PDB file of N, CA and C in Angstrom:
ATOM      1  N   MET A   1       0.667  -1.251  -0.313  1.00  0.00           N
ATOM      2  CA  MET A   1      -0.206  -0.188  -0.272  1.00  0.00           C
ATOM      3  C   MET A   1       0.928   1.373   0.484  1.00  0.00           C
ATOM      4  N   ARG A   2       1.032   2.289  -0.995  1.00  0.00           N
ATOM      5  CA  ARG A   2       1.010   3.287  -0.609  1.00  0.00           C
ATOM      6  C   ARG A   2       0.774   4.666  -0.399  1.00  0.00           C
ATOM      7  N   ASN A   3       1.889   5.301   0.555  1.00  0.00           N
ATOM      8  CA  ASN A   3       1.657   6.257   1.468  1.00  0.00           C
ATOM      9  C   ASN A   3       2.398   7.250   1.135  1.00  0.00           C
ATOM     10  N   GLY A   4       2.802   8.681   0.975  1.00  0.00           N
ATOM     11  CA  GLY A   4       3.452   9.405   0.892  1.00  0.00           C
ATOM     12  C   GLY A   4       3.918  10.259  -0.415  1.00  0.00           C
ATOM     13  N   LYS A   5       5.241  10.510  -0.757  1.00  0.00           N
ATOM     14  CA  LYS A   5       5.338  11.001  -1.720  1.00  0.00           C
ATOM     15  C   LYS A   5       6.425   9.517  -2.472  1.00  0.00           C
ATOM     16  N   TYR A   6       5.540   9.481  -3.705  1.00  0.00           N
ATOM     17  CA  TYR A   6       6.639   8.878  -4.661  1.00  0.00           C
ATOM     18  C   TYR A   6       7.374   9.915  -6.045  1.00  0.00           C
ATOM     19  N   GLU A   7       7.856   9.753  -6.683  1.00  0.00           N
ATOM     20  CA  GLU A   7       8.946  10.532  -7.575  1.00  0.00           C
ATOM     21  C   GLU A   7       9.645   9.510  -8.700  1.00  0.00           C
ATOM     22  N   ASN A   8       9.222   9.726 -10.041  1.00  0.00           N
ATOM     23  CA  ASN A   8      10.486   9.057 -11.013  1.00  0.00           C
ATOM     24  C   ASN A   8      10.279  10.220 -12.177  1.00  0.00           C
ATOM     25  N   GLU A   9      10.628   9.670 -13.089  1.00  0.00           N
ATOM     26  CA  GLU A   9      11.462  10.865 -14.556  1.00  0.00           C
ATOM     27  C   GLU A   9      10.339  10.957 -15.159  1.00  0.00           C
ATOM     28  N   ARG A  10       9.001  10.728 -14.293  1.00  0.00           N
ATOM     29  CA  ARG A  10       7.435  11.280 -15.339  1.00  0.00           C
ATOM     30  C   ARG A  10       6.910  12.036 -14.779  1.00  0.00           C
ATOM     31  N   GLN A  11       6.848  12.024 -13.072  1.00  0.00           N
ATOM     32  CA  GLN A  11       5.714  12.466 -12.345  1.00  0.00           C
ATOM     33  C   GLN A  11       6.113  12.770 -10.680  1.00  0.00           C
ATOM     34  N   VAL A  12       5.347  13.453 -10.079  1.00  0.00           N
ATOM     35  CA  VAL A  12       5.925  13.911  -8.504  1.00  0.00           C
ATOM     36  C   VAL A  12       4.444  13.579  -7.988  1.00  0.00           C
ATOM     37  N   ALA A  13       4.385  12.215  -7.048  1.00  0.00           N
ATOM     38  CA  ALA A  13       2.821  12.020  -6.778  1.00  0.00           C
ATOM     39  C   ALA A  13       2.384  11.588  -4.881  1.00  0.00           C
ATOM     40  N   TYR A  14       1.379  12.063  -4.733  1.00  0.00           N
ATOM     41  CA  TYR A  14       1.071  11.986  -3.198  1.00  0.00           C
ATOM     42  C   TYR A  14       0.352  11.206  -2.852  1.00  0.00           C
ATOM     43  N   TYR A  15       0.403   9.975  -2.183  1.00  0.00           N
ATOM     44  CA  TYR A  15      -0.768   8.921  -1.926  1.00  0.00           C
ATOM     45  C   TYR A  15      -1.034   9.029  -0.456  1.00  0.00           C
ATOM     46  N   LYS A  16      -2.132   8.603  -0.412  1.00  0.00           N
ATOM     47  CA  LYS A  16      -3.140   8.166   1.221  1.00  0.00           C
ATOM     48  C   LYS A  16      -3.571   6.863   0.827  1.00  0.00           C
ATOM     49  N   ASP A  17      -2.718   6.029   1.746  1.00  0.00           N
ATOM     50  CA  ASP A  17      -3.870   4.132   1.441  1.00  0.00           C
ATOM     51  C   ASP A  17      -4.464   3.890  -0.059  1.00  0.00           C
ATOM     52  N   ASP A  18      -3.033   4.224  -0.452  1.00  0.00           N
ATOM     53  CA  ASP A  18      -3.467   3.756  -2.029  1.00  0.00           C
ATOM     54  C   ASP A  18      -3.954   4.439  -3.168  1.00  0.00           C
ATOM     55  N   VAL A  19      -4.242   5.553  -2.230  1.00  0.00           N
ATOM     56  CA  VAL A  19      -5.282   6.727  -3.612  1.00  0.00           C
ATOM     57  C   VAL A  19      -4.283   8.077  -3.573  1.00  0.00           C
ATOM     58  N   LEU A  20      -4.475   8.647  -4.992  1.00  0.00           N
ATOM     59  CA  LEU A  20      -4.198   9.740  -4.865  1.00  0.00           C
ATOM     60  C   LEU A  20      -4.322  10.964  -4.008  1.00  0.00           C
ATOM     61  N   HIS A  21      -3.835  11.864  -3.316  1.00  0.00           N
ATOM     62  CA  HIS A  21      -4.319  12.143  -2.112  1.00  0.00           C
ATOM     63  C   HIS A  21      -3.311  13.320  -1.636  1.00  0.00           C
ATOM     64  N   ARG A  22      -3.711  14.538  -1.498  1.00  0.00           N
ATOM     65  CA  ARG A  22      -2.389  15.986  -0.762  1.00  0.00           C
ATOM     66  C   ARG A  22      -3.872  16.872   0.256  1.00  0.00           C
ATOM     67  N   GLU A  23      -3.571  17.522   0.545  1.00  0.00           N
ATOM     68  CA  GLU A  23      -4.070  18.239   1.567  1.00  0.00           C
ATOM     69  C   GLU A  23      -3.715  19.580   1.310  1.00  0.00           C
ATOM     70  N   ASP A  24      -2.183  19.928   1.273  1.00  0.00           N
ATOM     71  CA  ASP A  24      -1.301  21.277   0.791  1.00  0.00           C
ATOM     72  C   ASP A  24      -0.723  21.479  -0.219  1.00  0.00           C
ATOM     73  N   GLY A  25      -1.273  20.822  -1.759  1.00  0.00           N
ATOM     74  CA  GLY A  25      -0.495  21.253  -3.013  1.00  0.00           C
ATOM     75  C   GLY A  25      -1.260  19.958  -3.421  1.00  0.00           C
ATOM     76  N   PRO A  26      -0.696  20.084  -4.733  1.00  0.00           N
ATOM     77  CA  PRO A  26      -1.404  18.964  -5.699  1.00  0.00           C
ATOM     78  C   PRO A  26      -1.315  17.372  -5.332  1.00  0.00           C
ATOM     79  N   ALA A  27      -1.721  16.940  -5.900  1.00  0.00           N
ATOM     80  CA  ALA A  27      -1.313  15.028  -5.598  1.00  0.00           C
ATOM     81  C   ALA A  27      -0.617  14.663  -6.344  1.00  0.00           C
ATOM     82  N   ILE A  28      -0.643  14.969  -7.853  1.00  0.00           N
ATOM     83  CA  ILE A  28       0.091  14.608  -9.090  1.00  0.00           C
ATOM     84  C   ILE A  28       0.790  15.662  -9.624  1.00  0.00           C
ATOM     85  N   GLN A  29       1.555  16.136  -9.791  1.00  0.00           N
ATOM     86  CA  GLN A  29       2.807  16.746 -10.803  1.00  0.00           C
ATOM     87  C   GLN A  29       3.054  16.457 -12.264  1.00  0.00           C
ATOM     88  N   TRP A  30       2.494  16.243 -13.726  1.00  0.00           N
ATOM     89  CA  TRP A  30       3.315  15.515 -14.583  1.00  0.00           C
ATOM     90  C   TRP A  30       4.487  16.503 -14.803  1.00  0.00           C
ATOM     91  N   LYS A  31       5.670  15.620 -15.488  1.00  0.00           N
ATOM     92  CA  LYS A  31       6.765  16.510 -15.913  1.00  0.00           C
ATOM     93  C   LYS A  31       6.508  17.261 -16.593  1.00  0.00           C
ATOM     94  N   ASN A  32       5.301  16.504 -17.759  1.00  0.00           N
ATOM     95  CA  ASN A  32       4.918  17.451 -19.418  1.00  0.00           C
ATOM     96  C   ASN A  32       3.477  17.088 -19.124  1.00  0.00           C
ATOM     97  N   GLY A  33       2.986  17.212 -18.552  1.00  0.00           N
ATOM     98  CA  GLY A  33       1.828  17.572 -18.577  1.00  0.00           C
ATOM     99  C   GLY A  33       0.903  17.928 -17.374  1.00  0.00           C
ATOM    100  N   PRO A  34      -0.274  17.769 -17.100  1.00  0.00           N
ATOM    101  CA  PRO A  34      -0.885  18.410 -16.144  1.00  0.00           C
ATOM    102  C   PRO A  34      -0.717  18.392 -14.233  1.00  0.00           C
ATOM    103  N   THR A  35      -1.614  18.903 -13.731  1.00  0.00           N
ATOM    104  CA  THR A  35      -1.195  19.251 -12.503  1.00  0.00           C
ATOM    105  C   THR A  35      -2.598  18.666 -12.236  1.00  0.00           C
ATOM    106  N   GLN A  36      -2.566  17.677 -10.596  1.00  0.00           N
ATOM    107  CA  GLN A  36      -4.116  17.592 -10.162  1.00  0.00           C
ATOM    108  C   GLN A  36      -4.117  17.864  -9.004  1.00  0.00           C
ATOM    109  N   TRP A  37      -4.997  18.469  -8.059  1.00  0.00           N
ATOM    110  CA  TRP A  37      -5.391  18.406  -6.866  1.00  0.00           C
ATOM    111  C   TRP A  37      -6.329  17.475  -6.587  1.00  0.00           C
ATOM    112  N   ARG A  38      -6.045  16.453  -5.695  1.00  0.00           N
ATOM    113  CA  ARG A  38      -6.741  15.146  -5.481  1.00  0.00           C
ATOM    114  C   ARG A  38      -6.794  15.188  -4.107  1.00  0.00           C
ATOM    115  N   LEU A  39      -8.652  14.576  -3.225  1.00  0.00           N
ATOM    116  CA  LEU A  39      -8.824  14.667  -1.931  1.00  0.00           C
ATOM    117  C   LEU A  39      -9.199  13.099  -1.857  1.00  0.00           C
ATOM    118  N   ASN A  40      -8.599  11.943  -1.555  1.00  0.00           N
ATOM    119  CA  ASN A  40      -9.597  10.500  -1.667  1.00  0.00           C
ATOM    120  C   ASN A  40      -9.741   9.747  -2.659  1.00  0.00           C
ATOM    121  N   GLY A  41      -8.508  10.085  -3.987  1.00  0.00           N
ATOM    122  CA  GLY A  41      -8.950   9.758  -5.104  1.00  0.00           C
ATOM    123  C   GLY A  41      -9.489  10.913  -6.486  1.00  0.00           C
ATOM    124  N   GLU A  42     -10.416  11.478  -5.418  1.00  0.00           N
ATOM    125  CA  GLU A  42     -11.365  12.689  -6.546  1.00  0.00           C
ATOM    126  C   GLU A  42     -10.743  14.779  -7.030  1.00  0.00           C
ATOM    127  N   LEU A  43     -10.724  14.505  -7.965  1.00  0.00           N
ATOM    128  CA  LEU A  43     -10.327  15.951  -8.212  1.00  0.00           C
ATOM    129  C   LEU A  43     -10.809  16.627  -7.391  1.00  0.00           C
ATOM    130  N   HIS A  44     -10.614  17.659  -6.417  1.00  0.00           N
ATOM    131  CA  HIS A  44     -11.175  18.513  -5.404  1.00  0.00           C
ATOM    132  C   HIS A  44     -10.094  19.180  -5.512  1.00  0.00           C
ATOM    133  N   ARG A  45     -10.399  20.649  -5.094  1.00  0.00           N
ATOM    134  CA  ARG A  45      -9.921  21.988  -4.664  1.00  0.00           C
ATOM    135  C   ARG A  45     -10.718  22.991  -4.390  1.00  0.00           C
ATOM    136  N   VAL A  46     -10.098  23.694  -3.256  1.00  0.00           N
ATOM    137  CA  VAL A  46     -11.211  24.822  -3.158  1.00  0.00           C
ATOM    138  C   VAL A  46     -10.516  26.139  -3.519  1.00  0.00           C
ATOM    139  N   GLY A  47     -11.303  27.036  -4.220  1.00  0.00           N
ATOM    140  CA  GLY A  47     -10.556  28.121  -4.391  1.00  0.00           C
ATOM    141  C   GLY A  47      -9.465  28.308  -5.634  1.00  0.00           C
ATOM    142  N   GLY A  48      -9.178  27.464  -6.155  1.00  0.00           N
ATOM    143  CA  GLY A  48      -8.616  27.156  -7.646  1.00  0.00           C
ATOM    144  C   GLY A  48      -8.792  25.903  -8.509  1.00  0.00           C
ATOM    145  N   PRO A  49      -8.193  26.373  -9.735  1.00  0.00           N
ATOM    146  CA  PRO A  49      -8.425  25.323 -10.568  1.00  0.00           C
ATOM    147  C   PRO A  49      -8.186  23.401 -10.166  1.00  0.00           C
ATOM    148  N   ALA A  50      -8.795  22.340  -9.485  1.00  0.00           N
ATOM    149  CA  ALA A  50      -8.232  20.678  -9.506  1.00  0.00           C
ATOM    150  C   ALA A  50      -7.606  20.722 -10.476  1.00  0.00           C
ATOM    151  N   VAL A  51      -7.595  21.138 -11.669  1.00  0.00           N
ATOM    152  CA  VAL A  51      -6.611  20.534 -13.072  1.00  0.00           C
ATOM    153  C   VAL A  51      -6.133  21.753 -13.835  1.00  0.00           C
ATOM    154  N   GLU A  52      -4.796  21.617 -13.892  1.00  0.00           N
ATOM    155  CA  GLU A  52      -4.048  23.074 -14.922  1.00  0.00           C
ATOM    156  C   GLU A  52      -2.975  22.268 -15.699  1.00  0.00           C
ATOM    157  N   PHE A  53      -3.545  22.428 -16.664  1.00  0.00           N
ATOM    158  CA  PHE A  53      -2.960  22.048 -18.272  1.00  0.00           C
ATOM    159  C   PHE A  53      -1.630  22.957 -18.726  1.00  0.00           C
ATOM    160  N   LEU A  54      -0.872  22.825 -19.322  1.00  0.00           N
ATOM    161  CA  LEU A  54       0.564  23.275 -19.927  1.00  0.00           C
ATOM    162  C   LEU A  54       0.161  24.115 -20.770  1.00  0.00           C
ATOM    163  N   ASP A  55      -1.224  24.404 -21.304  1.00  0.00           N
ATOM    164  CA  ASP A  55      -1.324  25.492 -22.816  1.00  0.00           C
ATOM    165  C   ASP A  55      -2.126  26.191 -21.770  1.00  0.00           C
ATOM    166  N   GLY A  56      -2.082  26.103 -20.402  1.00  0.00           N
ATOM    167  CA  GLY A  56      -3.126  26.770 -19.604  1.00  0.00           C
ATOM    168  C   GLY A  56      -4.858  27.044 -19.297  1.00  0.00           C
ATOM    169  N   SER A  57      -4.598  26.132 -19.762  1.00  0.00           N
ATOM    170  CA  SER A  57      -6.363  25.449 -19.952  1.00  0.00           C
ATOM    171  C   SER A  57      -6.381  25.239 -18.239  1.00  0.00           C
ATOM    172  N   THR A  58      -7.937  25.627 -17.358  1.00  0.00           N
ATOM    173  CA  THR A  58      -8.021  24.671 -16.088  1.00  0.00           C
ATOM    174  C   THR A  58      -9.478  24.026 -16.013  1.00  0.00           C
ATOM    175  N   GLU A  59      -9.469  23.166 -15.031  1.00  0.00           N
ATOM    176  CA  GLU A  59     -10.480  22.674 -14.632  1.00  0.00           C
ATOM    177  C   GLU A  59     -10.820  22.951 -13.221  1.00  0.00           C
ATOM    178  N   TRP A  60     -12.131  23.346 -12.913  1.00  0.00           N
ATOM    179  CA  TRP A  60     -12.413  23.447 -11.469  1.00  0.00           C
ATOM    180  C   TRP A  60     -13.341  22.457 -11.187  1.00  0.00           C
ATOM    181  N   TRP A  61     -12.866  21.664 -10.033  1.00  0.00           N
ATOM    182  CA  TRP A  61     -13.743  20.465  -9.191  1.00  0.00           C
ATOM    183  C   TRP A  61     -13.730  20.554  -8.037  1.00  0.00           C
ATOM    184  N   LEU A  62     -15.069  20.526  -7.280  1.00  0.00           N
ATOM    185  CA  LEU A  62     -15.013  19.885  -5.936  1.00  0.00           C
ATOM    186  C   LEU A  62     -15.895  18.490  -5.700  1.00  0.00           C
ATOM    187  N   HIS A  63     -14.908  17.627  -5.087  1.00  0.00           N
ATOM    188  CA  HIS A  63     -15.553  16.414  -4.462  1.00  0.00           C
ATOM    189  C   HIS A  63     -15.775  15.577  -5.746  1.00  0.00           C
ATOM    190  N   GLY A  64     -15.226  15.830  -6.636  1.00  0.00           N
ATOM    191  CA  GLY A  64     -15.350  15.026  -7.499  1.00  0.00           C
ATOM    192  C   GLY A  64     -15.887  15.419  -9.132  1.00  0.00           C
ATOM    193  N   GLN A  65     -16.550  16.440  -8.672  1.00  0.00           N
ATOM    194  CA  GLN A  65     -17.782  16.977  -9.888  1.00  0.00           C
ATOM    195  C   GLN A  65     -16.540  18.171 -10.437  1.00  0.00           C
ATOM    196  N   LYS A  66     -16.958  18.528 -11.741  1.00  0.00           N
ATOM    197  CA  LYS A  66     -16.902  19.495 -12.118  1.00  0.00           C
ATOM    198  C   LYS A  66     -17.569  21.235 -11.667  1.00  0.00           C
ATOM    199  N   HIS A  67     -17.520  21.890 -11.172  1.00  0.00           N
ATOM    200  CA  HIS A  67     -17.781  23.269 -10.134  1.00  0.00           C
ATOM    201  C   HIS A  67     -17.059  24.248  -9.997  1.00  0.00           C
ATOM    202  N   ARG A  68     -18.077  25.115 -11.029  1.00  0.00           N
ATOM    203  CA  ARG A  68     -17.342  26.356 -10.023  1.00  0.00           C
ATOM    204  C   ARG A  68     -18.861  27.935 -10.567  1.00  0.00           C
ATOM    205  N   GLU A  69     -18.487  28.862  -9.661  1.00  0.00           N
ATOM    206  CA  GLU A  69     -19.601  29.735  -9.310  1.00  0.00           C
ATOM    207  C   GLU A  69     -19.211  30.791  -9.728  1.00  0.00           C
ATOM    208  N   ASP A  70     -17.998  31.281 -10.177  1.00  0.00           N
ATOM    209  CA  ASP A  70     -17.665  32.812 -10.234  1.00  0.00           C
ATOM    210  C   ASP A  70     -16.789  32.304 -11.688  1.00  0.00           C
ATOM    211  N   GLY A  71     -16.975  31.537 -12.538  1.00  0.00           N
ATOM    212  CA  GLY A  71     -16.624  31.658 -14.296  1.00  0.00           C
ATOM    213  C   GLY A  71     -16.457  30.239 -14.513  1.00  0.00           C
ATOM    214  N   PRO A  72     -16.118  30.056 -15.579  1.00  0.00           N
ATOM    215  CA  PRO A  72     -16.524  28.887 -16.425  1.00  0.00           C
ATOM    216  C   PRO A  72     -15.844  27.360 -15.646  1.00  0.00           C
ATOM    217  N   ALA A  73     -16.220  26.277 -15.306  1.00  0.00           N
ATOM    218  CA  ALA A  73     -15.594  25.221 -14.844  1.00  0.00           C
ATOM    219  C   ALA A  73     -14.256  24.768 -15.762  1.00  0.00           C
ATOM    220  N   MET A  74     -15.021  24.763 -16.872  1.00  0.00           N
ATOM    221  CA  MET A  74     -13.290  24.322 -17.977  1.00  0.00           C
ATOM    222  C   MET A  74     -12.995  25.629 -18.459  1.00  0.00           C
ATOM    223  N   ALA A  75     -11.579  25.948 -18.022  1.00  0.00           N
ATOM    224  CA  ALA A  75     -12.039  27.593 -19.030  1.00  0.00           C
ATOM    225  C   ALA A  75     -10.410  26.757 -20.018  1.00  0.00           C
ATOM    226  N   HIS A  76     -10.827  27.025 -21.106  1.00  0.00           N
ATOM    227  CA  HIS A  76      -9.587  26.435 -22.262  1.00  0.00           C
ATOM    228  C   HIS A  76      -8.991  27.546 -22.853  1.00  0.00           C
ATOM    229  N   ALA A  77      -7.864  27.526 -23.101  1.00  0.00           N
ATOM    230  CA  ALA A  77      -6.753  28.299 -23.313  1.00  0.00           C
ATOM    231  C   ALA A  77      -7.169  28.969 -24.565  1.00  0.00           C
ATOM    232  N   ARG A  78      -7.616  28.330 -25.234  1.00  0.00           N
ATOM    233  CA  ARG A  78      -8.236  28.302 -26.701  1.00  0.00           C
ATOM    234  C   ARG A  78      -9.908  28.087 -26.693  1.00  0.00           C
ATOM    235  N   GLY A  79     -10.273  29.462 -26.886  1.00  0.00           N
ATOM    236  CA  GLY A  79     -11.748  28.857 -27.369  1.00  0.00           C
ATOM    237  C   GLY A  79     -12.808  29.269 -25.817  1.00  0.00           C
ATOM    238  N   PRO A  80     -14.210  29.585 -25.781  1.00  0.00           N
ATOM    239  CA  PRO A  80     -14.840  29.302 -25.007  1.00  0.00           C
ATOM    240  C   PRO A  80     -14.679  28.292 -23.728  1.00  0.00           C
ATOM    241  N   GLY A  81     -15.087  28.475 -22.940  1.00  0.00           N
ATOM    242  CA  GLY A  81     -15.103  27.703 -21.827  1.00  0.00           C
ATOM    243  C   GLY A  81     -16.924  26.851 -21.107  1.00  0.00           C
ATOM    244  N   GLN A  82     -16.715  25.956 -20.366  1.00  0.00           N
ATOM    245  CA  GLN A  82     -17.882  25.092 -20.148  1.00  0.00           C
ATOM    246  C   GLN A  82     -18.234  25.906 -18.727  1.00  0.00           C
ATOM    247  N   TRP A  83     -19.484  26.147 -18.533  1.00  0.00           N
ATOM    248  CA  TRP A  83     -20.112  25.969 -17.211  1.00  0.00           C
ATOM    249  C   TRP A  83     -20.522  24.649 -16.487  1.00  0.00           C
ATOM    250  N   TRP A  84     -20.624  24.693 -15.175  1.00  0.00           N
ATOM    251  CA  TRP A  84     -21.104  23.830 -14.197  1.00  0.00           C
ATOM    252  C   TRP A  84     -21.041  23.829 -12.772  1.00  0.00           C
ATOM    253  N   ILE A  85     -22.293  23.081 -12.468  1.00  0.00           N
ATOM    254  CA  ILE A  85     -22.416  23.185 -10.995  1.00  0.00           C
ATOM    255  C   ILE A  85     -22.883  22.246 -10.449  1.00  0.00           C
ATOM    256  N   HIS A  86     -22.177  21.460  -9.664  1.00  0.00           N
ATOM    257  CA  HIS A  86     -22.245  20.563  -8.791  1.00  0.00           C
ATOM    258  C   HIS A  86     -22.202  18.952  -9.877  1.00  0.00           C
ATOM    259  N   GLY A  87     -21.395  18.838 -10.725  1.00  0.00           N
ATOM    260  CA  GLY A  87     -21.102  18.375 -11.765  1.00  0.00           C
ATOM    261  C   GLY A  87     -22.066  18.069 -13.396  1.00  0.00           C
ATOM    262  N   LYS A  88     -22.862  19.553 -13.030  1.00  0.00           N
ATOM    263  CA  LYS A  88     -24.103  19.584 -14.442  1.00  0.00           C
ATOM    264  C   LYS A  88     -23.857  20.657 -15.179  1.00  0.00           C
ATOM    265  N   ARG A  89     -23.800  20.457 -16.333  1.00  0.00           N
ATOM    266  CA  ARG A  89     -23.334  21.271 -17.537  1.00  0.00           C
ATOM    267  C   ARG A  89     -24.404  22.776 -17.742  1.00  0.00           C
ATOM    268  N   LEU A  90     -24.311  23.623 -17.727  1.00  0.00           N
ATOM    269  CA  LEU A  90     -24.828  24.945 -17.316  1.00  0.00           C
ATOM    270  C   LEU A  90     -24.658  26.249 -18.441  1.00  0.00           C
ATOM    271  N   THR A  91     -25.732  26.645 -19.165  1.00  0.00           N
ATOM    272  CA  THR A  91     -25.119  27.815 -19.981  1.00  0.00           C
ATOM    273  C   THR A  91     -24.575  28.975 -18.229  1.00  0.00           C
ATOM    274  N   GLU A  92     -23.893  29.976 -19.284  1.00  0.00           N
ATOM    275  CA  GLU A  92     -23.203  31.109 -18.037  1.00  0.00           C
ATOM    276  C   GLU A  92     -24.950  31.795 -17.397  1.00  0.00           C
ATOM    277  N   GLU A  93     -26.217  31.905 -18.082  1.00  0.00           N
ATOM    278  CA  GLU A  93     -27.045  32.513 -17.470  1.00  0.00           C
ATOM    279  C   GLU A  93     -27.713  31.615 -16.410  1.00  0.00           C
ATOM    280  N   GLU A  94     -27.526  30.082 -16.632  1.00  0.00           N
ATOM    281  CA  GLU A  94     -28.353  29.431 -15.950  1.00  0.00           C
ATOM    282  C   GLU A  94     -27.385  29.392 -14.398  1.00  0.00           C
ATOM    283  N   VAL A  95     -26.180  29.862 -14.558  1.00  0.00           N
ATOM    284  CA  VAL A  95     -25.716  29.650 -13.733  1.00  0.00           C
ATOM    285  C   VAL A  95     -25.515  30.707 -12.572  1.00  0.00           C
ATOM    286  N   GLN A  96     -25.295  31.966 -12.876  1.00  0.00           N
ATOM    287  CA  GLN A  96     -26.076  33.450 -12.508  1.00  0.00           C
ATOM    288  C   GLN A  96     -27.395  33.121 -12.131  1.00  0.00           C
ATOM    289  N   LYS A  97     -28.302  33.075 -12.915  1.00  0.00           N
ATOM    290  CA  LYS A  97     -29.189  32.787 -11.915  1.00  0.00           C
ATOM    291  C   LYS A  97     -29.538  31.799 -11.027  1.00  0.00           C
ATOM    292  N   HIS A  98     -28.798  30.216 -10.805  1.00  0.00           N
ATOM    293  CA  HIS A  98     -28.748  29.746  -9.624  1.00  0.00           C
ATOM    294  C   HIS A  98     -28.149  30.363  -8.418  1.00  0.00           C
ATOM    295  N   ILE A  99     -26.984  31.046  -8.979  1.00  0.00           N
ATOM    296  CA  ILE A  99     -25.774  31.932  -7.706  1.00  0.00           C
ATOM    297  C   ILE A  99     -26.961  33.098  -7.402  1.00  0.00           C
ATOM    298  N   GLY A 100     -27.736  33.511  -7.997  1.00  0.00           N
ATOM    299  CA  GLY A 100     -28.879  34.826  -7.775  1.00  0.00           C
ATOM    300  C   GLY A 100     -29.814  34.462  -6.250  1.00  0.00           C
ATOM    301  N   THR A 101     -30.589  33.065  -6.950  1.00  0.00           N
ATOM    302  CA  THR A 101     -31.353  32.364  -5.976  1.00  0.00           C
ATOM    303  C   THR A 101     -31.278  31.493  -4.781  1.00  0.00           C
ATOM    304  N   ARG A 102     -29.552  31.044  -5.084  1.00  0.00           N
ATOM    305  CA  ARG A 102     -29.403  30.503  -3.915  1.00  0.00           C
ATOM    306  C   ARG A 102     -29.059  31.554  -3.143  1.00  0.00           C
ATOM    307  N   CYS A 103     -28.374  32.516  -2.984  1.00  0.00           N
ATOM    308  CA  CYS A 103     -27.735  33.955  -2.398  1.00  0.00           C
ATOM    309  C   CYS A 103     -29.100  34.389  -1.759  1.00  0.00           C
ATOM    310  N   GLN A 104     -30.153  34.473  -2.473  1.00  0.00           N
ATOM    311  CA  GLN A 104     -31.585  35.232  -2.030  1.00  0.00           C
ATOM    312  C   GLN A 104     -32.156  34.632  -0.755  1.00  0.00           C
ATOM    313  N   SER A 105     -31.756  33.144  -0.828  1.00  0.00           N
ATOM    314  CA  SER A 105     -32.693  32.254   0.352  1.00  0.00           C
ATOM    315  C   SER A 105     -31.449  31.889   0.962  1.00  0.00           C
ATOM    316  N   ALA A 106     -30.472  31.951   1.140  1.00  0.00           N
ATOM    317  CA  ALA A 106     -29.155  32.027   2.164  1.00  0.00           C
ATOM    318  C   ALA A 106     -28.932  33.241   2.960  1.00  0.00           C
ATOM    319  N   CYS A 107     -29.373  34.309   2.028  1.00  0.00           N
ATOM    320  CA  CYS A 107     -29.144  35.453   2.359  1.00  0.00           C
ATOM    321  C   CYS A 107     -29.992  36.673   2.834  1.00  0.00           C
ATOM    322  N   PRO A 108     -30.959  36.142   4.218  1.00  0.00           N
ATOM    323  CA  PRO A 108     -31.983  36.726   4.099  1.00  0.00           C
ATOM    324  C   PRO A 108     -31.836  38.575   4.534  1.00  0.00           C
ATOM    325  N   LEU A 109     -30.644  38.785   5.213  1.00  0.00           N
ATOM    326  CA  LEU A 109     -30.784  40.616   4.838  1.00  0.00           C
ATOM    327  C   LEU A 109     -30.856  41.047   3.794  1.00  0.00           C
ATOM    328  N   LYS A 110     -29.764  39.959   2.416  1.00  0.00           N
ATOM    329  CA  LYS A 110     -29.725  40.844   1.350  1.00  0.00           C
ATOM    330  C   LYS A 110     -31.118  40.636   0.272  1.00  0.00           C
ATOM    331  N   ALA A 111     -31.743  39.248   0.708  1.00  0.00           N
ATOM    332  CA  ALA A 111     -33.106  39.742   0.019  1.00  0.00           C
ATOM    333  C   ALA A 111     -34.287  40.597   0.638  1.00  0.00           C
ATOM    334  N   GLU A 112     -34.005  40.846   2.221  1.00  0.00           N
ATOM    335  CA  GLU A 112     -35.331  42.087   2.564  1.00  0.00           C
ATOM    336  C   GLU A 112     -34.889  43.275   1.761  1.00  0.00           C
ATOM    337  N   TYR A 113     -33.288  43.308   1.692  1.00  0.00           N
ATOM    338  CA  TYR A 113     -32.900  44.800   1.060  1.00  0.00           C
ATOM    339  C   TYR A 113     -33.646  44.634  -0.290  1.00  0.00           C
ATOM    340  N   ILE A 114     -33.423  43.596  -1.405  1.00  0.00           N
ATOM    341  CA  ILE A 114     -33.685  43.925  -2.692  1.00  0.00           C
ATOM    342  C   ILE A 114     -35.233  44.002  -2.990  1.00  0.00           C
ATOM    343  N   ARG A 115     -35.737  43.623  -1.563  1.00  0.00           N
ATOM    344  CA  ARG A 115     -37.304  43.625  -2.044  1.00  0.00           C
ATOM    345  C   ARG A 115     -37.681  44.710  -1.460  1.00  0.00           C
ATOM    346  N   ILE A 116     -36.982  45.706  -0.545  1.00  0.00           N
ATOM    347  CA  ILE A 116     -37.465  47.125  -0.236  1.00  0.00           C
ATOM    348  C   ILE A 116     -37.081  47.765  -1.589  1.00  0.00           C
ATOM    349  N   LEU A 117     -35.959  47.963  -2.093  1.00  0.00           N
ATOM    350  CA  LEU A 117     -35.651  48.425  -3.582  1.00  0.00           C
ATOM    351  C   LEU A 117     -36.404  48.269  -4.675  1.00  0.00           C
ATOM    352  N   ARG A 118     -37.270  47.105  -4.732  1.00  0.00           N
ATOM    353  CA  ARG A 118     -37.859  46.792  -5.381  1.00  0.00           C
ATOM    354  C   ARG A 118     -39.330  47.674  -5.226  1.00  0.00           C
ATOM    355  N   HIS A 119     -39.730  47.410  -3.680  1.00  0.00           N
ATOM    356  CA  HIS A 119     -40.935  48.481  -3.762  1.00  0.00           C
ATOM    357  C   HIS A 119     -41.137  50.076  -3.316  1.00  0.00           C
ATOM    358  N   SER A 120     -39.736  50.649  -3.784  1.00  0.00           N
ATOM    359  CA  SER A 120     -39.205  51.895  -3.006  1.00  0.00           C
ATOM    360  C   SER A 120     -39.574  52.687  -5.012  1.00  0.00           C
TER     361      SER A 120
END
């Protein structure tokens, strides 16, 4: 069973209980390929992309699902990105609607402020 850091000519990888896992940095860094953040084998990173490619493309994942609320979860170096929330592909407009609805229900003071403004 692998635990800890493993390095060879192609990659540096970190394992816990034989699965890719690292809490304080990328779990695997390919010498000529992508860098991946993983927890318990799943792609996962809070506040940054879980996969970074050499061409500058990125993928944002939480708990093994493509997810990003403040931009495209798949940001391509060439061409448009793709928007994903909890593993479901959406349009940018659908993501903005999801965020607004969630915030209004999760932020009662903000929702009250919006209601007052609408009735002024």
